[in-house]
Amino acid sequence: MQKEARYIHVYTGDGKGKTTAALGLTLRAVGAGWRVLFCQFLKHGEFSEIKALKKLGEQVTIRQYGSGRFTKGKPSEKEVEMARAGLSETMQDMVDGKYDLIVLDEINVAVHFGLIPLEGVISLLEKRPQDVELVLTGKWAPKEIMARADLVTEARMIKHYFSKGVRAREGIEK
């Protein structure tokens, strides 16, 4: 029996919900028995989503490729090194067929700030086996990535309580 087609998703925009959407897909994939690789670029730490993913067991592999300190400006050599190593490691795992779903959380931001070359992500998209579902999140998704995706969702901020000085809250934003 032939497997169903799998696709490339992009969740981008300045609104809330991009990582949350990827986590929702991860949860569904685990429920369907899929093996999942959940990679976070730029982020580092035991955020609530990481704690929850760890509870899902061996079906989910979690990797973080960042110090969690870089937010804007020029990234350090160490940040660039971590991000590029993450892309390379993910590419190898994808080609080896280790996972059914691969989430590259905040990879669009990593490309925007020059931690990862756009050409490296395009190469990953072009080498994606047809039986791997691939999700790329983060604002500033390049048009070249969106053109190669099968699904693009833009989260648009209309109103956000951050503008009132509310900081990221555990269980909601972190």
N, C-alpha and C. Protein backbone atom coordinates (compact mmCIF):
# COMPACT_ATOMS: atom_id res chain seq x y z
N MET A 1 0.84 -1.18 0.00
CA MET A 1 0.00 0.00 0.00
C MET A 1 0.89 1.25 0.00
N GLN A 2 0.54 2.21 -0.84
CA GLN A 2 1.33 3.43 -0.96
C GLN A 2 0.98 4.40 0.17
N LYS A 3 2.02 5.06 0.71
CA LYS A 3 1.82 6.07 1.76
C LYS A 3 1.15 7.30 1.17
N GLU A 4 0.43 8.02 2.02
CA GLU A 4 -0.12 9.31 1.61
C GLU A 4 1.01 10.28 1.35
N ALA A 5 0.75 11.26 0.48
CA ALA A 5 1.75 12.30 0.20
C ALA A 5 1.99 13.11 1.46
N ARG A 6 3.19 13.61 1.59
CA ARG A 6 3.56 14.49 2.70
C ARG A 6 4.01 15.82 2.12
N TYR A 7 3.94 16.87 2.92
CA TYR A 7 4.08 18.21 2.39
C TYR A 7 5.02 19.10 3.20
N ILE A 8 5.28 20.29 2.64
CA ILE A 8 6.09 21.32 3.30
C ILE A 8 5.14 22.42 3.76
N HIS A 9 5.21 22.74 5.05
CA HIS A 9 4.40 23.80 5.66
C HIS A 9 5.30 24.96 6.04
N VAL A 10 4.79 26.18 5.92
CA VAL A 10 5.46 27.37 6.43
C VAL A 10 4.46 28.14 7.28
N TYR A 11 4.84 28.42 8.53
CA TYR A 11 4.04 29.26 9.42
C TYR A 11 4.87 30.51 9.69
N THR A 12 4.39 31.64 9.22
CA THR A 12 5.16 32.88 9.29
C THR A 12 4.25 34.04 9.68
N GLY A 13 4.82 35.23 9.75
CA GLY A 13 4.06 36.43 10.07
C GLY A 13 4.44 36.98 11.43
N ASP A 14 3.87 38.17 11.74
CA ASP A 14 4.23 38.83 13.00
C ASP A 14 3.26 38.51 14.14
N GLY A 15 2.29 37.66 13.88
CA GLY A 15 1.31 37.30 14.91
C GLY A 15 1.73 36.10 15.73
N LYS A 16 1.00 35.89 16.81
CA LYS A 16 1.24 34.78 17.72
C LYS A 16 0.67 33.48 17.14
N GLY A 17 1.33 32.36 17.40
CA GLY A 17 0.75 31.07 17.06
C GLY A 17 1.53 30.19 16.11
N LYS A 18 2.68 30.64 15.65
CA LYS A 18 3.44 29.85 14.67
C LYS A 18 4.01 28.58 15.30
N THR A 19 4.71 28.73 16.40
CA THR A 19 5.26 27.56 17.09
C THR A 19 4.12 26.71 17.65
N THR A 20 3.08 27.36 18.13
CA THR A 20 1.93 26.64 18.68
C THR A 20 1.29 25.75 17.62
N ALA A 21 1.18 26.24 16.39
CA ALA A 21 0.64 25.43 15.30
C ALA A 21 1.53 24.21 15.04
N ALA A 22 2.85 24.43 15.05
CA ALA A 22 3.79 23.32 14.83
C ALA A 22 3.70 22.30 15.96
N LEU A 23 3.48 22.77 17.18
CA LEU A 23 3.32 21.85 18.31
C LEU A 23 2.03 21.05 18.18
N GLY A 24 0.99 21.69 17.70
CA GLY A 24 -0.27 20.97 17.46
C GLY A 24 -0.10 19.86 16.43
N LEU A 25 0.62 20.14 15.36
CA LEU A 25 0.90 19.10 14.36
C LEU A 25 1.73 17.98 14.96
N THR A 26 2.69 18.35 15.79
CA THR A 26 3.53 17.35 16.46
C THR A 26 2.66 16.42 17.30
N LEU A 27 1.74 16.98 18.04
CA LEU A 27 0.85 16.19 18.87
C LEU A 27 0.01 15.23 18.03
N ARG A 28 -0.54 15.73 16.94
CA ARG A 28 -1.32 14.87 16.05
C ARG A 28 -0.47 13.76 15.44
N ALA A 29 0.75 14.11 15.03
CA ALA A 29 1.64 13.13 14.42
C ALA A 29 1.98 12.01 15.40
N VAL A 30 2.26 12.39 16.65
CA VAL A 30 2.55 11.38 17.67
C VAL A 30 1.33 10.46 17.86
N GLY A 31 0.15 11.06 17.89
CA GLY A 31 -1.07 10.26 18.02
C GLY A 31 -1.26 9.28 16.88
N ALA A 32 -0.73 9.62 15.71
CA ALA A 32 -0.82 8.76 14.53
C ALA A 32 0.34 7.77 14.45
N GLY A 33 1.23 7.81 15.45
CA GLY A 33 2.35 6.87 15.47
C GLY A 33 3.58 7.32 14.70
N TRP A 34 3.62 8.58 14.31
CA TRP A 34 4.76 9.09 13.56
C TRP A 34 5.95 9.35 14.47
N ARG A 35 7.14 9.27 13.88
CA ARG A 35 8.38 9.67 14.56
C ARG A 35 8.63 11.14 14.22
N VAL A 36 8.89 11.94 15.24
CA VAL A 36 8.99 13.39 15.06
C VAL A 36 10.35 13.92 15.54
N LEU A 37 10.92 14.81 14.73
CA LEU A 37 12.10 15.57 15.12
C LEU A 37 11.65 17.02 15.26
N PHE A 38 11.76 17.56 16.47
CA PHE A 38 11.36 18.94 16.75
C PHE A 38 12.62 19.74 17.06
N CYS A 39 13.02 20.58 16.11
CA CYS A 39 14.25 21.38 16.24
C CYS A 39 13.90 22.84 16.47
N GLN A 40 14.56 23.45 17.44
CA GLN A 40 14.39 24.87 17.68
C GLN A 40 15.70 25.58 17.38
N PHE A 41 15.62 26.57 16.48
CA PHE A 41 16.77 27.40 16.18
C PHE A 41 16.68 28.65 17.03
N LEU A 42 17.83 29.15 17.47
CA LEU A 42 17.97 30.36 18.29
C LEU A 42 17.53 30.17 19.74
N LYS A 43 16.68 29.22 20.01
CA LYS A 43 16.14 29.02 21.35
C LYS A 43 16.99 28.02 22.14
N HIS A 44 16.93 28.17 23.45
CA HIS A 44 17.60 27.21 24.33
C HIS A 44 16.93 27.30 25.70
N GLY A 45 16.59 26.17 26.25
CA GLY A 45 16.03 26.17 27.59
C GLY A 45 14.86 25.22 27.74
N GLU A 46 14.48 25.01 28.97
CA GLU A 46 13.38 24.10 29.31
C GLU A 46 12.05 24.87 29.31
N PHE A 47 11.65 25.34 28.13
CA PHE A 47 10.36 26.00 28.01
C PHE A 47 9.26 24.98 28.22
N SER A 48 8.05 25.43 28.46
CA SER A 48 6.93 24.53 28.73
C SER A 48 6.72 23.53 27.59
N GLU A 49 6.89 23.99 26.32
CA GLU A 49 6.69 23.07 25.21
C GLU A 49 7.73 21.95 25.21
N ILE A 50 8.95 22.25 25.64
CA ILE A 50 10.00 21.23 25.69
C ILE A 50 9.68 20.22 26.78
N LYS A 51 9.23 20.70 27.93
CA LYS A 51 8.83 19.79 29.02
C LYS A 51 7.71 18.87 28.55
N ALA A 52 6.74 19.42 27.83
CA ALA A 52 5.61 18.61 27.35
C ALA A 52 6.06 17.60 26.30
N LEU A 53 6.89 18.04 25.35
CA LEU A 53 7.37 17.14 24.31
C LEU A 53 8.14 15.96 24.90
N LYS A 54 8.91 16.22 25.94
CA LYS A 54 9.67 15.14 26.59
C LYS A 54 8.75 14.08 27.18
N LYS A 55 7.55 14.47 27.57
CA LYS A 55 6.60 13.52 28.13
C LYS A 55 5.99 12.59 27.08
N LEU A 56 6.18 12.92 25.81
CA LEU A 56 5.64 12.10 24.73
C LEU A 56 6.50 10.89 24.44
N GLY A 57 7.66 10.82 25.06
CA GLY A 57 8.50 9.62 24.94
C GLY A 57 9.40 9.61 23.73
N GLU A 58 9.79 8.41 23.35
CA GLU A 58 10.81 8.21 22.32
C GLU A 58 10.35 8.55 20.91
N GLN A 59 9.06 8.77 20.73
CA GLN A 59 8.56 9.13 19.39
C GLN A 59 9.02 10.53 18.98
N VAL A 60 9.37 11.36 19.96
CA VAL A 60 9.77 12.74 19.68
C VAL A 60 11.22 12.97 20.10
N THR A 61 12.02 13.44 19.17
CA THR A 61 13.39 13.85 19.45
C THR A 61 13.41 15.37 19.45
N ILE A 62 14.01 15.96 20.46
CA ILE A 62 14.05 17.42 20.60
C ILE A 62 15.50 17.87 20.50
N ARG A 63 15.72 18.91 19.71
CA ARG A 63 17.06 19.49 19.61
C ARG A 63 16.94 21.00 19.61
N GLN A 64 17.87 21.65 20.25
CA GLN A 64 17.92 23.11 20.25
C GLN A 64 19.27 23.56 19.72
N TYR A 65 19.21 24.49 18.77
CA TYR A 65 20.42 24.99 18.12
C TYR A 65 20.54 26.50 18.34
N GLY A 66 20.82 26.87 19.55
CA GLY A 66 20.99 28.28 19.89
C GLY A 66 21.29 28.43 21.36
N SER A 67 21.74 29.60 21.72
CA SER A 67 22.05 29.87 23.13
C SER A 67 20.84 30.42 23.87
N GLY A 68 19.85 30.91 23.11
CA GLY A 68 18.70 31.54 23.72
C GLY A 68 18.94 32.99 24.05
N ARG A 69 20.11 33.50 23.71
CA ARG A 69 20.45 34.90 24.04
C ARG A 69 20.37 35.83 22.84
N PHE A 70 20.50 35.31 21.63
CA PHE A 70 20.49 36.15 20.44
C PHE A 70 19.06 36.57 20.10
N THR A 71 18.83 37.87 19.97
CA THR A 71 17.50 38.35 19.58
C THR A 71 17.54 39.29 18.38
N LYS A 72 18.59 40.07 18.23
CA LYS A 72 18.72 40.95 17.06
C LYS A 72 20.15 41.45 16.95
N GLY A 73 20.42 42.13 15.84
CA GLY A 73 21.77 42.61 15.61
C GLY A 73 22.61 41.58 14.89
N LYS A 74 23.88 41.58 15.16
CA LYS A 74 24.80 40.63 14.52
C LYS A 74 25.00 39.43 15.44
N PRO A 75 24.72 38.23 14.92
CA PRO A 75 24.91 37.04 15.75
C PRO A 75 26.39 36.74 15.98
N SER A 76 26.67 36.10 17.10
CA SER A 76 28.05 35.70 17.40
C SER A 76 28.44 34.51 16.50
N GLU A 77 29.73 34.28 16.40
CA GLU A 77 30.20 33.13 15.63
C GLU A 77 29.65 31.83 16.20
N LYS A 78 29.54 31.77 17.52
CA LYS A 78 29.01 30.57 18.19
C LYS A 78 27.55 30.32 17.78
N GLU A 79 26.74 31.39 17.73
CA GLU A 79 25.33 31.26 17.31
C GLU A 79 25.25 30.74 15.88
N VAL A 80 26.08 31.30 15.00
CA VAL A 80 26.10 30.88 13.60
C VAL A 80 26.52 29.42 13.50
N GLU A 81 27.53 29.06 14.24
CA GLU A 81 28.04 27.68 14.24
C GLU A 81 26.96 26.70 14.70
N MET A 82 26.25 27.04 15.78
CA MET A 82 25.19 26.16 16.29
C MET A 82 24.07 25.99 15.26
N ALA A 83 23.64 27.10 14.67
CA ALA A 83 22.54 27.05 13.70
C ALA A 83 22.91 26.23 12.47
N ARG A 84 24.11 26.45 11.97
CA ARG A 84 24.54 25.71 10.77
C ARG A 84 24.76 24.24 11.05
N ALA A 85 25.25 23.93 12.23
CA ALA A 85 25.39 22.52 12.63
C ALA A 85 24.01 21.88 12.72
N GLY A 86 23.04 22.63 13.21
CA GLY A 86 21.67 22.13 13.30
C GLY A 86 21.08 21.83 11.94
N LEU A 87 21.30 22.73 11.00
CA LEU A 87 20.79 22.51 9.65
C LEU A 87 21.43 21.26 9.03
N SER A 88 22.73 21.12 9.21
CA SER A 88 23.46 19.98 8.66
C SER A 88 22.98 18.66 9.29
N GLU A 89 22.83 18.66 10.60
CA GLU A 89 22.38 17.46 11.32
C GLU A 89 20.96 17.09 10.90
N THR A 90 20.11 18.09 10.78
CA THR A 90 18.72 17.85 10.36
C THR A 90 18.67 17.29 8.95
N MET A 91 19.48 17.86 8.07
CA MET A 91 19.53 17.38 6.68
C MET A 91 19.90 15.91 6.65
N GLN A 92 20.90 15.52 7.42
CA GLN A 92 21.35 14.13 7.42
C GLN A 92 20.24 13.21 7.95
N ASP A 93 19.61 13.59 9.05
CA ASP A 93 18.52 12.78 9.61
C ASP A 93 17.36 12.66 8.63
N MET A 94 17.06 13.76 7.94
CA MET A 94 15.96 13.74 6.98
C MET A 94 16.26 12.79 5.83
N VAL A 95 17.45 12.90 5.27
CA VAL A 95 17.84 12.04 4.14
C VAL A 95 17.91 10.58 4.57
N ASP A 96 18.32 10.34 5.81
CA ASP A 96 18.40 8.97 6.34
C ASP A 96 17.03 8.37 6.63
N GLY A 97 15.98 9.16 6.60
CA GLY A 97 14.63 8.66 6.81
C GLY A 97 14.30 8.31 8.26
N LYS A 98 14.92 8.99 9.20
CA LYS A 98 14.71 8.68 10.62
C LYS A 98 13.37 9.19 11.15
N TYR A 99 12.78 10.19 10.47
CA TYR A 99 11.58 10.84 11.01
C TYR A 99 10.51 10.99 9.94
N ASP A 100 9.26 10.98 10.40
CA ASP A 100 8.12 11.20 9.51
C ASP A 100 7.76 12.68 9.44
N LEU A 101 7.95 13.39 10.55
CA LEU A 101 7.68 14.82 10.63
C LEU A 101 8.91 15.51 11.21
N ILE A 102 9.35 16.57 10.53
CA ILE A 102 10.46 17.37 11.04
C ILE A 102 9.97 18.81 11.15
N VAL A 103 10.10 19.37 12.35
CA VAL A 103 9.74 20.76 12.60
C VAL A 103 11.02 21.56 12.78
N LEU A 104 11.14 22.65 12.03
CA LEU A 104 12.28 23.54 12.12
C LEU A 104 11.76 24.88 12.66
N ASP A 105 11.63 24.94 13.98
CA ASP A 105 11.05 26.09 14.66
C ASP A 105 12.02 27.27 14.64
N GLU A 106 11.52 28.42 14.19
CA GLU A 106 12.28 29.68 14.09
C GLU A 106 13.38 29.66 13.04
N ILE A 107 13.33 28.73 12.11
CA ILE A 107 14.37 28.69 11.08
C ILE A 107 14.29 29.90 10.17
N ASN A 108 13.09 30.43 9.94
CA ASN A 108 12.97 31.63 9.10
C ASN A 108 13.69 32.82 9.73
N VAL A 109 13.63 32.92 11.05
CA VAL A 109 14.32 34.00 11.76
C VAL A 109 15.83 33.80 11.66
N ALA A 110 16.27 32.55 11.76
CA ALA A 110 17.70 32.25 11.63
C ALA A 110 18.22 32.64 10.24
N VAL A 111 17.41 32.44 9.22
CA VAL A 111 17.79 32.84 7.86
C VAL A 111 17.81 34.37 7.77
N HIS A 112 16.79 35.01 8.31
CA HIS A 112 16.67 36.47 8.25
C HIS A 112 17.91 37.16 8.85
N PHE A 113 18.41 36.63 9.97
CA PHE A 113 19.55 37.25 10.63
C PHE A 113 20.89 36.70 10.14
N GLY A 114 20.89 35.84 9.13
CA GLY A 114 22.13 35.38 8.53
C GLY A 114 22.83 34.25 9.27
N LEU A 115 22.16 33.61 10.22
CA LEU A 115 22.78 32.48 10.90
C LEU A 115 22.87 31.28 9.98
N ILE A 116 21.89 31.15 9.11
CA ILE A 116 21.82 30.05 8.15
C ILE A 116 21.65 30.68 6.77
N PRO A 117 22.40 30.23 5.78
CA PRO A 117 22.20 30.78 4.43
C PRO A 117 20.89 30.26 3.83
N LEU A 118 20.20 31.14 3.13
CA LEU A 118 18.96 30.76 2.46
C LEU A 118 19.18 29.54 1.57
N GLU A 119 20.31 29.50 0.89
CA GLU A 119 20.61 28.38 -0.02
C GLU A 119 20.64 27.05 0.72
N GLY A 120 21.07 27.06 1.98
CA GLY A 120 21.10 25.83 2.77
C GLY A 120 19.70 25.30 3.05
N VAL A 121 18.77 26.20 3.32
CA VAL A 121 17.38 25.78 3.57
C VAL A 121 16.74 25.32 2.27
N ILE A 122 17.00 26.02 1.19
CA ILE A 122 16.46 25.59 -0.11
C ILE A 122 16.98 24.21 -0.48
N SER A 123 18.25 23.95 -0.21
CA SER A 123 18.82 22.63 -0.46
C SER A 123 18.09 21.57 0.36
N LEU A 124 17.80 21.88 1.62
CA LEU A 124 17.06 20.96 2.48
C LEU A 124 15.68 20.67 1.87
N LEU A 125 15.00 21.70 1.41
CA LEU A 125 13.67 21.53 0.81
C LEU A 125 13.75 20.67 -0.44
N GLU A 126 14.77 20.89 -1.24
CA GLU A 126 14.91 20.14 -2.49
C GLU A 126 15.29 18.68 -2.26
N LYS A 127 15.97 18.39 -1.16
CA LYS A 127 16.39 17.02 -0.86
C LYS A 127 15.38 16.26 -0.01
N ARG A 128 14.29 16.92 0.37
CA ARG A 128 13.29 16.29 1.24
C ARG A 128 12.70 15.06 0.55
N PRO A 129 12.80 13.90 1.22
CA PRO A 129 12.13 12.71 0.68
C PRO A 129 10.61 12.92 0.70
N GLN A 130 9.92 12.32 -0.23
CA GLN A 130 8.48 12.51 -0.35
C GLN A 130 7.69 11.98 0.84
N ASP A 131 8.33 11.13 1.68
CA ASP A 131 7.62 10.57 2.83
C ASP A 131 7.92 11.33 4.13
N VAL A 132 8.46 12.55 4.01
CA VAL A 132 8.74 13.38 5.18
C VAL A 132 7.88 14.65 5.12
N GLU A 133 7.12 14.90 6.17
CA GLU A 133 6.38 16.15 6.33
C GLU A 133 7.34 17.13 6.98
N LEU A 134 7.44 18.34 6.45
CA LEU A 134 8.42 19.31 6.92
C LEU A 134 7.70 20.61 7.27
N VAL A 135 8.01 21.15 8.47
CA VAL A 135 7.39 22.38 8.94
C VAL A 135 8.48 23.40 9.26
N LEU A 136 8.36 24.60 8.70
CA LEU A 136 9.29 25.69 8.96
C LEU A 136 8.51 26.84 9.59
N THR A 137 8.96 27.31 10.76
CA THR A 137 8.25 28.40 11.42
C THR A 137 9.15 29.63 11.55
N GLY A 138 8.52 30.73 11.92
CA GLY A 138 9.22 31.97 12.21
C GLY A 138 8.82 33.08 11.26
N LYS A 139 8.77 34.29 11.81
CA LYS A 139 8.44 35.42 10.93
C LYS A 139 9.55 35.63 9.93
N TRP A 140 9.27 36.46 8.96
CA TRP A 140 10.21 36.80 7.89
C TRP A 140 10.55 35.62 6.97
N ALA A 141 9.61 34.74 6.71
CA ALA A 141 9.89 33.64 5.78
C ALA A 141 10.24 34.23 4.41
N PRO A 142 11.38 33.85 3.85
CA PRO A 142 11.76 34.35 2.53
C PRO A 142 10.79 33.86 1.45
N LYS A 143 10.58 34.69 0.45
CA LYS A 143 9.66 34.33 -0.64
C LYS A 143 10.11 33.05 -1.35
N GLU A 144 11.43 32.81 -1.39
CA GLU A 144 11.94 31.61 -2.04
C GLU A 144 11.53 30.34 -1.29
N ILE A 145 11.43 30.43 0.03
CA ILE A 145 10.97 29.29 0.83
C ILE A 145 9.46 29.13 0.65
N MET A 146 8.73 30.24 0.74
CA MET A 146 7.27 30.16 0.59
C MET A 146 6.88 29.61 -0.78
N ALA A 147 7.64 29.95 -1.82
CA ALA A 147 7.33 29.47 -3.17
C ALA A 147 7.47 27.95 -3.27
N ARG A 148 8.33 27.37 -2.46
CA ARG A 148 8.57 25.92 -2.52
C ARG A 148 7.66 25.14 -1.56
N ALA A 149 6.95 25.85 -0.70
CA ALA A 149 6.07 25.20 0.28
C ALA A 149 4.74 24.80 -0.37
N ASP A 150 4.11 23.82 0.23
CA ASP A 150 2.79 23.38 -0.21
C ASP A 150 1.68 24.10 0.56
N LEU A 151 2.02 24.58 1.76
CA LEU A 151 1.07 25.27 2.61
C LEU A 151 1.81 26.43 3.27
N VAL A 152 1.25 27.62 3.17
CA VAL A 152 1.82 28.79 3.83
C VAL A 152 0.70 29.46 4.61
N THR A 153 0.94 29.63 5.92
CA THR A 153 -0.01 30.33 6.78
C THR A 153 0.70 31.53 7.37
N GLU A 154 0.05 32.68 7.26
CA GLU A 154 0.62 33.90 7.84
C GLU A 154 -0.21 34.30 9.05
N ALA A 155 0.45 34.34 10.21
CA ALA A 155 -0.19 34.82 11.44
C ALA A 155 0.00 36.33 11.48
N ARG A 156 -1.09 37.06 11.51
CA ARG A 156 -1.02 38.52 11.47
C ARG A 156 -1.48 39.07 12.81
N MET A 157 -0.63 39.91 13.39
CA MET A 157 -0.99 40.51 14.67
C MET A 157 -1.96 41.66 14.44
N ILE A 158 -3.08 41.57 15.10
CA ILE A 158 -4.06 42.65 15.08
C ILE A 158 -4.01 43.39 16.41
N LYS A 159 -3.88 42.60 17.48
CA LYS A 159 -3.82 43.16 18.82
C LYS A 159 -3.05 42.17 19.69
N HIS A 160 -2.22 42.68 20.59
CA HIS A 160 -1.46 41.79 21.47
C HIS A 160 -1.25 42.49 22.81
N TYR A 161 -1.40 41.75 23.89
CA TYR A 161 -1.23 42.33 25.22
C TYR A 161 0.21 42.72 25.53
N PHE A 162 1.17 42.28 24.72
CA PHE A 162 2.55 42.73 24.91
C PHE A 162 2.64 44.25 24.82
N SER A 163 1.80 44.85 23.97
CA SER A 163 1.83 46.31 23.82
C SER A 163 1.43 47.03 25.10
N LYS A 164 0.81 46.31 26.03
CA LYS A 164 0.45 46.88 27.34
C LYS A 164 1.52 46.57 28.39
N GLY A 165 2.65 46.00 27.94
CA GLY A 165 3.75 45.70 28.85
C GLY A 165 3.70 44.32 29.47
N VAL A 166 2.78 43.47 29.03
CA VAL A 166 2.70 42.10 29.55
C VAL A 166 3.88 41.30 29.00
N ARG A 167 4.62 40.68 29.89
CA ARG A 167 5.78 39.88 29.48
C ARG A 167 5.33 38.46 29.14
N ALA A 168 6.21 37.72 28.46
CA ALA A 168 5.94 36.32 28.10
C ALA A 168 5.57 35.53 29.36
N ARG A 169 4.47 34.80 29.27
CA ARG A 169 3.97 34.06 30.43
C ARG A 169 4.19 32.56 30.27
N GLU A 170 4.62 31.92 31.36
CA GLU A 170 4.83 30.47 31.34
C GLU A 170 3.50 29.78 31.07
N GLY A 171 3.55 28.80 30.19
CA GLY A 171 2.36 28.06 29.83
C GLY A 171 1.60 28.67 28.66
N ILE A 172 1.93 29.90 28.30
CA ILE A 172 1.28 30.57 27.16
C ILE A 172 2.32 30.93 26.08
N GLU A 173 3.30 31.74 26.43
CA GLU A 173 4.33 32.11 25.46
C GLU A 173 5.65 31.39 25.70
N LYS A 174 5.81 30.78 26.85
CA LYS A 174 7.07 30.08 27.12
C LYS A 174 6.83 28.88 28.00
